[in-house]
Each structure stands twice: as structure tokens, then as C-alpha cells.
Amino acid sequence: MALPVRQQLTYWGLATAGFLFILWALGNVILPFVVGGAIAYFLDPVADRLERAGMSRVMATVLISVVLVGVVVVSLLVVIPLLIQQTNGLIQAAPDLFNQLRGWLTEQFPNVMEEGSPLRQSLVSIGTTIQERGGELVQQVLSSAMGVVSVLVFLVVVPVVSFYLLLDWDRLVARVDDLLPRDHAETIRRLAAEIDRTLASFVRGQGTVCLILGTFYAVALMVVGLQFGLVVGLIAGILTFIPYVGALVGGALSIGLALFQFWGEWWMIVAVAAIFQFGQLIEGNILTPKLVGSSVGLHPVWLIFALTAFGTLFGFVGMLVAVPVAAALGVIVRFVIAEYKSGLLYRGVSSGTVERPEDEA
């Protein structure tokens, strides 16, 4: 005899509350395991393709891990030091940039920029604040990501966790499937498959788009000689996760920097603008349709809310799990709405057979 629905809801509600409490209590302690699990999920399709090509799961996992470690080593030796250097340089240069902007505005709009005006004081305050607080902000970001677990442990644990999870991914999925309550197994499998499709389309797809565009922006801006091009490319690439935001923020920042650096050389400023225009063209016509798809079901406002809420409640780890949880909740909410619309509460039928929405078509 199956448990009453109310009792089942009680058990699942307690399990969900316990999971959220553990996530909040452990905080950054579970960061390497979350990152390792995300890497394994991201690379599982690659391992499956290598298996279909005739390679064993062990060899596929070893090959993927070696390539991944190589990319991380190159990043640690080349990209990250340069990124930190450019970030510090941008922070130090901020007051000078705002002084130049203030001088240009004073020439063009002397009445607005007169001594003691609110706009003039705001520009001075912004430049000084960025210089004073910018380095502190970078340190806070790094410490929030690595505060509990040292960098050395993080770099050791993440590859090990991702290796074993990637190696045993299919067996882990089978074990979880075996633990599903039998009365609801088919429904849970259907929802899990839809959640996986959403995550595959958005997290894997959009993550790949962010990586490609961030690399393109950084390399292209550095090739044309824009100072701090690597930082701008990284910011634009990360913010591409939210549609249109990456291009708007990155384009505005890069064009603003180009105006100060290449003033008088209009072709260079046009070249910087053309880089972001070309990036948007590639993203909209090739990358997003091929890698993400058109119907992912994650609205940008819902993404921003999830990132803000989970980041506030659970810190850096919360921001990492925000998008997967938002995708899962979106699928579950759509399922609940569909069930509600097919029931008596919505349709208002007090007797007789309830027509399901698909029966009306």
C-alpha cells in the first residue's frame, strides 16, 4: 500500500530542507566537490563519444583528464598571472581615466562640470573608490572562492573528484535510478530527462558559448592593442551567460577604454566596436543556435534572480549551483502547472470526466 500523498510530501520536504541546510552549513568546504561534479557532468558527453568511437571508459577518462590538466597548467602559468596584472593595472588607472573623462566633459559642457557640481564630484569619487576598493574587491573574490580550502588542496581535489565521477558517471546514474520510489519512478525519470536536456542545452551549451566568446574577445582586443583587453574579454565572456548583458557591458567597457587610448585614431575605435559586433553576429547566428537551442526555458530575469538569491544565501557555492537549481525548478514548475491545468481546481468541473488540455486540440 502506497504512503498517503501528504506523508510523502512531508518526507520529501524534510529531505529538501536537510539538503539546503547541509549546503548552507558546509559552505565553501564542498566547493571542490561541486566544481568536480560540474566538470564531470560537462565532459560526460565527450567521454560517451569516445566510447562510441571504440575507446574504453577508462582510457576516455584518462585522455580527457590529461587534456584538462594541461589546459589548467597553461592557464595557471600564462593566463591567470597576466589577468591579475591587467586587473591591477586597470584598478590603478581608473582615477586617470576618470580625470580624462572629467576634462573632456569640462571642455564640452562647462556649465555642467563647473567646480563643485554633483557630476564632477561623482566622477572624482568613483575613480578614487575604484582605486581604493578595487584591490580589496579582487582579494575578497579570491578569498570567497578559496577561503576554506587552500589553493593547493583545491587543485588536487577537483581533478581527482572529476576523474572518478566521470569514470563512474553511468553507474552512479543507474544507482540513483534504482533508489527512486517505484510509484513515481516514471514521472521522476521523465522530469529528470527534461532537466538534463535543459541543463545540456543551457549549462553545457551556454558555458561553451561563454568560453568561445570570452577567448575571442580577449585575443581580438589584445591583437588590436587595447590595454586591459584580457580583463574585458573575461568580463564579457562571463556575462554572456545572461543574454545580451555580456555584449553590452563588454562593448561599453572596451569602447570606453578605446576612446581614451586611441583618441584621434578613429579606425582603432571602430575596430574595437567591430570586434563586439562580429562576436554578436557569430553568437546569434552560429554559436547559440547550434550549442544552446531556441527553447531552453530559462528566462534572463529568472537567472538573475537565482544567481542573486543563491549567492546571498549560500555564497560562492550558491552561485555555482544557482543555474542548475533554477533549471530544475523551472522544469518542476512547468510540470506542476500542467498538472494543475488538467485538474478540477483549474477547470472547475465538479463532476464527470475531466478533459485534459491535449484532448481539446
Protein backbone atom coordinates (compact mmCIF):
# COMPACT_ATOMS: atom_id res chain seq x y z
CA MET A 1 0.00 0.00 0.00
CA ALA A 2 1.45 3.38 -1.03
CA LEU A 3 2.04 6.12 1.50
CA PRO A 4 -0.53 8.94 1.58
CA VAL A 5 0.35 11.93 -0.57
CA ARG A 6 0.55 14.24 2.45
CA GLN A 7 3.02 11.93 4.18
CA GLN A 8 5.13 11.66 1.02
CA LEU A 9 5.22 15.45 0.71
CA THR A 10 6.32 15.67 4.33
CA TYR A 11 9.23 13.29 3.79
CA TRP A 12 10.37 14.95 0.57
CA GLY A 13 10.03 18.40 2.13
CA LEU A 14 12.20 17.37 5.08
CA ALA A 15 14.78 15.88 2.70
CA THR A 16 14.90 19.10 0.67
CA ALA A 17 15.23 21.23 3.81
CA GLY A 18 18.03 18.95 5.04
CA PHE A 19 19.87 19.26 1.75
CA LEU A 20 19.65 23.07 1.80
CA PHE A 21 20.84 23.15 5.41
CA ILE A 22 23.84 20.95 4.59
CA LEU A 23 24.66 23.18 1.62
CA TRP A 24 24.50 26.26 3.86
CA ALA A 25 26.45 24.65 6.74
CA LEU A 26 29.29 23.25 4.67
CA GLY A 27 29.65 26.33 2.52
CA ASN A 28 32.97 26.51 0.68
CA VAL A 29 34.07 23.16 2.11
CA ILE A 30 32.12 21.40 -0.63
CA LEU A 31 33.36 23.81 -3.32
CA PRO A 32 35.91 21.35 -4.84
CA PHE A 33 33.26 18.61 -4.98
CA VAL A 34 30.70 20.91 -6.62
CA VAL A 35 33.27 22.04 -9.19
CA GLY A 36 34.44 18.47 -9.76
CA GLY A 37 30.87 17.28 -10.26
CA ALA A 38 30.15 20.13 -12.67
CA ILE A 39 33.26 19.29 -14.70
CA ALA A 40 32.28 15.61 -14.83
CA TYR A 41 28.74 16.47 -15.96
CA PHE A 42 30.07 18.89 -18.56
CA LEU A 43 32.52 16.35 -20.03
CA ASP A 44 30.36 13.21 -19.82
CA PRO A 45 29.11 13.58 -23.44
CA VAL A 46 32.73 13.76 -24.62
CA ALA A 47 33.53 10.53 -22.79
CA ASP A 48 30.43 8.89 -24.27
CA ARG A 49 31.51 9.88 -27.78
CA LEU A 50 34.99 8.48 -27.24
CA GLU A 51 33.40 5.25 -26.01
CA ARG A 52 31.25 5.02 -29.13
CA ALA A 53 34.40 5.54 -31.17
CA GLY A 54 35.82 2.35 -29.66
CA MET A 55 37.76 3.64 -26.65
CA SER A 56 37.20 2.15 -23.19
CA ARG A 57 35.67 4.32 -20.47
CA VAL A 58 38.92 4.26 -18.51
CA MET A 59 41.02 5.39 -21.47
CA ALA A 60 38.49 8.05 -22.41
CA THR A 61 38.51 9.41 -18.87
CA VAL A 62 42.32 9.39 -18.71
CA LEU A 63 42.59 11.20 -22.06
CA ILE A 64 40.07 13.87 -21.07
CA SER A 65 41.74 14.34 -17.67
CA VAL A 66 45.21 14.75 -19.20
CA VAL A 67 43.95 17.38 -21.65
CA LEU A 68 42.05 19.18 -18.87
CA VAL A 69 45.07 19.22 -16.55
CA GLY A 70 47.19 20.56 -19.41
CA VAL A 71 44.75 23.41 -20.01
CA VAL A 72 44.69 24.24 -16.28
CA VAL A 73 48.52 24.25 -16.07
CA VAL A 74 48.82 26.57 -19.06
CA SER A 75 46.18 28.86 -17.54
CA LEU A 76 47.99 28.97 -14.19
CA LEU A 77 51.35 29.69 -15.81
CA VAL A 78 50.29 32.14 -18.52
CA VAL A 79 46.72 33.41 -18.46
CA ILE A 80 45.98 33.93 -14.74
CA PRO A 81 49.16 35.94 -13.93
CA LEU A 82 48.50 38.16 -16.95
CA LEU A 83 44.87 38.53 -15.92
CA ILE A 84 45.81 39.55 -12.38
CA GLN A 85 48.38 42.01 -13.74
CA GLN A 86 45.87 43.63 -16.10
CA THR A 87 43.20 43.76 -13.40
CA ASN A 88 45.53 45.56 -11.01
CA GLY A 89 46.61 47.86 -13.83
CA LEU A 90 43.01 48.73 -14.64
CA ILE A 91 42.29 49.45 -10.99
CA GLN A 92 45.33 51.73 -10.72
CA ALA A 93 44.50 53.50 -13.98
CA ALA A 94 40.87 54.16 -13.05
CA PRO A 95 41.46 57.61 -11.44
CA ASP A 96 43.41 58.80 -14.50
CA LEU A 97 40.67 57.58 -16.82
CA PHE A 98 38.03 59.40 -14.83
CA ASN A 99 40.20 62.54 -14.76
CA GLN A 100 40.45 62.42 -18.55
CA LEU A 101 36.70 61.96 -18.79
CA ARG A 102 36.18 64.86 -16.43
CA GLY A 103 38.49 67.06 -18.54
CA TRP A 104 36.67 66.18 -21.74
CA LEU A 105 33.27 66.82 -20.19
CA THR A 106 34.53 70.14 -18.79
CA GLU A 107 35.55 71.26 -22.28
CA GLN A 108 32.32 70.14 -23.89
CA PHE A 109 29.86 71.02 -21.11
CA PRO A 110 31.46 73.69 -18.89
CA ASN A 111 28.20 74.60 -17.17
CA VAL A 112 27.52 71.05 -16.07
CA MET A 113 31.11 70.37 -14.96
CA GLU A 114 31.77 73.58 -13.05
CA GLU A 115 33.68 73.36 -9.79
CA GLY A 116 31.60 71.76 -7.05
CA SER A 117 28.95 70.35 -9.39
CA PRO A 118 27.45 66.97 -8.41
CA LEU A 119 28.62 65.27 -11.65
CA ARG A 120 32.20 66.47 -11.18
CA GLN A 121 32.28 65.29 -7.58
CA SER A 122 30.77 61.95 -8.55
CA LEU A 123 33.45 61.28 -11.18
CA VAL A 124 36.22 62.10 -8.72
CA SER A 125 34.61 59.90 -6.07
CA ILE A 126 34.13 56.95 -8.45
CA GLY A 127 37.75 56.96 -9.61
CA THR A 128 39.11 57.20 -6.08
CA THR A 129 36.77 54.49 -4.79
CA ILE A 130 37.75 52.06 -7.55
CA GLN A 131 41.43 52.55 -6.80
CA GLU A 132 40.95 52.19 -3.06
CA ARG A 133 38.45 49.34 -3.09
CA GLY A 134 39.32 47.58 -6.32
CA GLY A 135 42.25 45.62 -4.94
CA GLU A 136 40.27 44.77 -1.86
CA LEU A 137 37.40 43.55 -4.06
CA VAL A 138 39.73 41.26 -6.03
CA GLN A 139 41.09 39.83 -2.79
CA GLN A 140 37.55 39.26 -1.48
CA VAL A 141 36.56 37.44 -4.67
CA LEU A 142 39.62 35.21 -4.49
CA SER A 143 39.19 34.56 -0.78
CA SER A 144 35.49 33.78 -1.15
CA ALA A 145 36.31 31.20 -3.79
CA MET A 146 39.30 29.69 -1.98
CA GLY A 147 38.86 30.74 1.63
CA VAL A 148 38.13 27.45 3.34
CA VAL A 149 40.08 25.16 1.05
CA SER A 150 43.63 26.16 0.18
CA VAL A 151 44.59 26.59 -3.44
CA LEU A 152 46.81 23.51 -3.33
CA VAL A 153 44.07 21.27 -1.95
CA PHE A 154 41.57 22.72 -4.42
CA LEU A 155 43.84 21.99 -7.36
CA VAL A 156 44.36 18.43 -6.15
CA VAL A 157 40.82 17.54 -5.07
CA VAL A 158 38.96 18.91 -8.12
CA PRO A 159 40.80 16.78 -10.72
CA VAL A 160 40.51 13.65 -8.54
CA VAL A 161 36.78 14.17 -7.92
CA SER A 162 36.06 14.94 -11.57
CA PHE A 163 38.12 11.91 -12.70
CA TYR A 164 36.25 9.40 -10.52
CA LEU A 165 32.83 10.92 -11.18
CA LEU A 166 33.47 10.94 -14.92
CA LEU A 167 34.69 7.35 -14.78
CA ASP A 168 31.65 6.08 -12.83
CA TRP A 169 29.02 8.51 -14.17
CA ASP A 170 26.79 5.93 -15.83
CA ARG A 171 26.95 3.59 -12.83
CA LEU A 172 26.10 6.44 -10.46
CA VAL A 173 23.09 7.36 -12.57
CA ALA A 174 21.95 3.71 -12.54
CA ARG A 175 22.29 3.54 -8.75
CA VAL A 176 20.26 6.71 -8.27
CA ASP A 177 17.61 5.33 -10.63
CA ASP A 178 17.46 2.15 -8.54
CA LEU A 179 16.68 4.23 -5.43
CA LEU A 180 13.69 6.02 -6.96
CA PRO A 181 10.30 5.35 -5.32
CA ARG A 182 8.61 2.80 -7.57
CA ASP A 183 5.22 4.55 -7.61
CA HIS A 184 6.73 7.72 -9.08
CA ALA A 185 9.76 6.34 -10.92
CA GLU A 186 8.45 7.04 -14.42
CA THR A 187 7.41 10.59 -13.59
CA ILE A 188 10.75 11.31 -11.92
CA ARG A 189 12.64 9.83 -14.88
CA ARG A 190 10.65 12.00 -17.28
CA LEU A 191 11.31 15.13 -15.24
CA ALA A 192 14.97 14.21 -14.83
CA ALA A 193 15.31 13.73 -18.59
CA GLU A 194 13.76 17.14 -19.21
CA ILE A 195 16.01 18.75 -16.59
CA ASP A 196 19.02 17.08 -18.21
CA ARG A 197 18.01 18.39 -21.63
CA THR A 198 17.62 21.88 -20.20
CA LEU A 199 20.99 21.72 -18.45
CA ALA A 200 22.65 20.21 -21.51
CA SER A 201 21.25 22.97 -23.70
CA PHE A 202 21.92 25.84 -21.34
CA VAL A 203 24.75 24.97 -18.96
CA ARG A 204 26.85 22.95 -21.38
CA GLY A 205 25.80 24.94 -24.43
CA GLN A 206 25.86 28.42 -22.92
CA GLY A 207 29.02 27.61 -20.99
CA THR A 208 30.73 26.68 -24.25
CA VAL A 209 29.45 29.88 -25.86
CA CYS A 210 30.85 31.92 -22.94
CA LEU A 211 34.22 30.19 -23.25
CA ILE A 212 34.43 30.71 -27.02
CA LEU A 213 33.29 34.34 -26.95
CA GLY A 214 35.43 35.23 -23.93
CA THR A 215 38.51 33.79 -25.64
CA PHE A 216 37.66 35.53 -28.92
CA TYR A 217 37.08 38.92 -27.26
CA ALA A 218 40.25 38.69 -25.17
CA VAL A 219 42.51 37.61 -28.04
CA ALA A 220 41.00 40.04 -30.57
CA LEU A 221 41.20 43.02 -28.20
CA MET A 222 44.81 42.19 -27.31
CA VAL A 223 45.67 41.84 -31.02
CA VAL A 224 44.38 45.36 -31.80
CA GLY A 225 46.43 46.62 -28.87
CA LEU A 226 43.71 47.56 -26.39
CA GLN A 227 45.03 47.82 -22.87
CA PHE A 228 43.31 45.51 -20.38
CA GLY A 229 41.87 43.51 -23.30
CA LEU A 230 42.18 40.24 -21.40
CA VAL A 231 40.15 41.58 -18.47
CA VAL A 232 37.46 42.99 -20.74
CA GLY A 233 37.28 39.71 -22.68
CA LEU A 234 36.91 37.72 -19.46
CA ILE A 235 34.14 40.02 -18.17
CA ALA A 236 32.28 39.90 -21.49
CA GLY A 237 32.64 36.12 -21.69
CA ILE A 238 31.32 35.51 -18.17
CA LEU A 239 28.40 37.90 -18.56
CA THR A 240 27.43 36.27 -21.88
CA PHE A 241 25.76 33.68 -19.63
CA ILE A 242 22.95 36.24 -19.33
CA PRO A 243 21.75 37.06 -22.88
CA TYR A 244 22.82 40.46 -24.26
CA VAL A 245 24.41 41.56 -20.96
CA GLY A 246 27.92 40.36 -21.87
CA ALA A 247 27.98 42.17 -25.20
CA LEU A 248 26.52 45.38 -23.73
CA VAL A 249 28.83 45.56 -20.72
CA GLY A 250 31.93 44.33 -22.53
CA GLY A 251 31.28 46.52 -25.56
CA ALA A 252 30.67 49.65 -23.47
CA LEU A 253 33.78 49.00 -21.35
CA SER A 254 36.06 48.24 -24.31
CA ILE A 255 34.84 51.17 -26.42
CA GLY A 256 35.21 53.47 -23.42
CA LEU A 257 38.80 52.32 -22.91
CA ALA A 258 39.45 52.63 -26.64
CA LEU A 259 38.23 56.23 -26.63
CA PHE A 260 40.85 57.13 -24.02
CA GLN A 261 43.65 55.05 -25.54
CA PHE A 262 43.06 55.69 -29.26
CA TRP A 263 41.61 59.20 -29.21
CA GLY A 264 42.13 60.62 -32.69
CA GLU A 265 42.71 57.20 -34.23
CA TRP A 266 39.11 56.54 -35.15
CA TRP A 267 39.87 53.40 -37.15
CA MET A 268 41.14 51.73 -33.97
CA ILE A 269 37.99 52.64 -32.07
CA VAL A 270 35.90 51.32 -34.95
CA ALA A 271 37.98 48.11 -34.90
CA VAL A 272 37.19 47.58 -31.19
CA ALA A 273 33.48 48.15 -31.82
CA ALA A 274 33.62 45.80 -34.83
CA ILE A 275 35.06 43.03 -32.65
CA PHE A 276 31.97 43.01 -30.45
CA GLN A 277 29.67 43.41 -33.45
CA PHE A 278 31.29 40.39 -35.08
CA GLY A 279 31.09 38.45 -31.79
CA GLN A 280 27.36 39.14 -31.56
CA LEU A 281 26.91 38.07 -35.17
CA ILE A 282 28.68 34.78 -34.55
CA GLU A 283 26.84 34.20 -31.28
CA GLY A 284 23.37 34.92 -32.63
CA ASN A 285 23.67 33.06 -35.93
CA ILE A 286 26.04 30.17 -35.22
CA LEU A 287 27.00 29.50 -31.59
CA THR A 288 23.70 29.92 -29.74
CA PRO A 289 21.50 28.11 -32.33
CA LYS A 290 23.98 25.21 -32.59
CA LEU A 291 25.06 24.83 -28.95
CA VAL A 292 22.15 26.15 -26.90
CA GLY A 293 19.00 25.87 -28.99
CA SER A 294 15.96 28.08 -29.15
CA SER A 295 13.69 26.75 -26.38
CA VAL A 296 15.70 26.33 -23.20
CA GLY A 297 13.04 27.66 -20.86
CA LEU A 298 15.29 29.84 -18.67
CA HIS A 299 14.28 33.49 -18.72
CA PRO A 300 17.13 36.00 -18.11
CA VAL A 301 15.23 37.59 -15.19
CA TRP A 302 14.82 34.15 -13.58
CA LEU A 303 18.57 33.55 -14.00
CA ILE A 304 19.48 36.89 -12.42
CA PHE A 305 17.12 36.24 -9.51
CA ALA A 306 18.53 32.72 -8.97
CA LEU A 307 22.13 33.96 -9.02
CA THR A 308 21.33 36.79 -6.61
CA ALA A 309 19.27 34.69 -4.19
CA PHE A 310 21.58 31.68 -4.04
CA GLY A 311 24.67 33.88 -3.92
CA THR A 312 23.25 35.78 -0.96
CA LEU A 313 22.13 32.65 0.91
CA PHE A 314 24.97 30.25 0.17
CA GLY A 315 27.87 32.43 -1.01
CA PHE A 316 30.13 31.43 -3.89
CA VAL A 317 28.94 27.80 -3.85
CA GLY A 318 25.36 29.03 -4.13
CA MET A 319 26.22 30.96 -7.28
CA LEU A 320 27.70 27.79 -8.79
CA VAL A 321 24.57 25.72 -8.17
CA ALA A 322 22.12 28.56 -8.88
CA VAL A 323 21.71 27.91 -12.60
CA PRO A 324 21.26 24.09 -12.35
CA VAL A 325 18.78 24.52 -9.49
CA ALA A 326 16.96 27.26 -11.43
CA ALA A 327 16.73 24.95 -14.45
CA ALA A 328 15.40 22.09 -12.31
CA LEU A 329 12.86 24.34 -10.58
CA GLY A 330 11.73 25.67 -13.95
CA VAL A 331 11.01 22.15 -15.19
CA ILE A 332 9.22 21.20 -11.97
CA VAL A 333 7.13 24.39 -12.00
CA ARG A 334 6.08 23.72 -15.60
CA PHE A 335 5.11 20.16 -14.60
CA VAL A 336 3.07 21.40 -11.63
CA ILE A 337 1.31 23.99 -13.81
CA ALA A 338 0.46 21.33 -16.40
CA GLU A 339 -0.96 19.08 -13.67
CA TYR A 340 -2.90 21.99 -12.19
CA LYS A 341 -4.42 22.91 -15.56
CA SER A 342 -5.56 19.33 -16.09
CA GLY A 343 -7.23 19.11 -12.69
CA LEU A 344 -10.54 20.10 -11.14
CA LEU A 345 -9.12 23.09 -9.28
CA TYR A 346 -8.31 24.87 -12.55
CA ARG A 347 -11.06 23.63 -14.87
CA GLY A 348 -13.89 23.96 -12.36
CA VAL A 349 -15.57 20.73 -13.40
CA SER A 350 -17.43 19.41 -10.38
CA SER A 351 -18.42 16.05 -11.86
CA GLY A 352 -17.82 13.81 -14.81
CA THR A 353 -14.65 13.10 -16.71
CA VAL A 354 -12.06 15.83 -16.68
CA GLU A 355 -10.84 16.70 -20.15
CA ARG A 356 -7.12 17.12 -20.34
CA PRO A 357 -5.82 20.16 -22.28
CA GLU A 358 -4.42 17.97 -25.08
CA ASP A 359 -7.88 16.43 -25.63
CA GLU A 360 -9.24 19.81 -26.74
CA ALA A 361 -6.83 20.20 -29.62
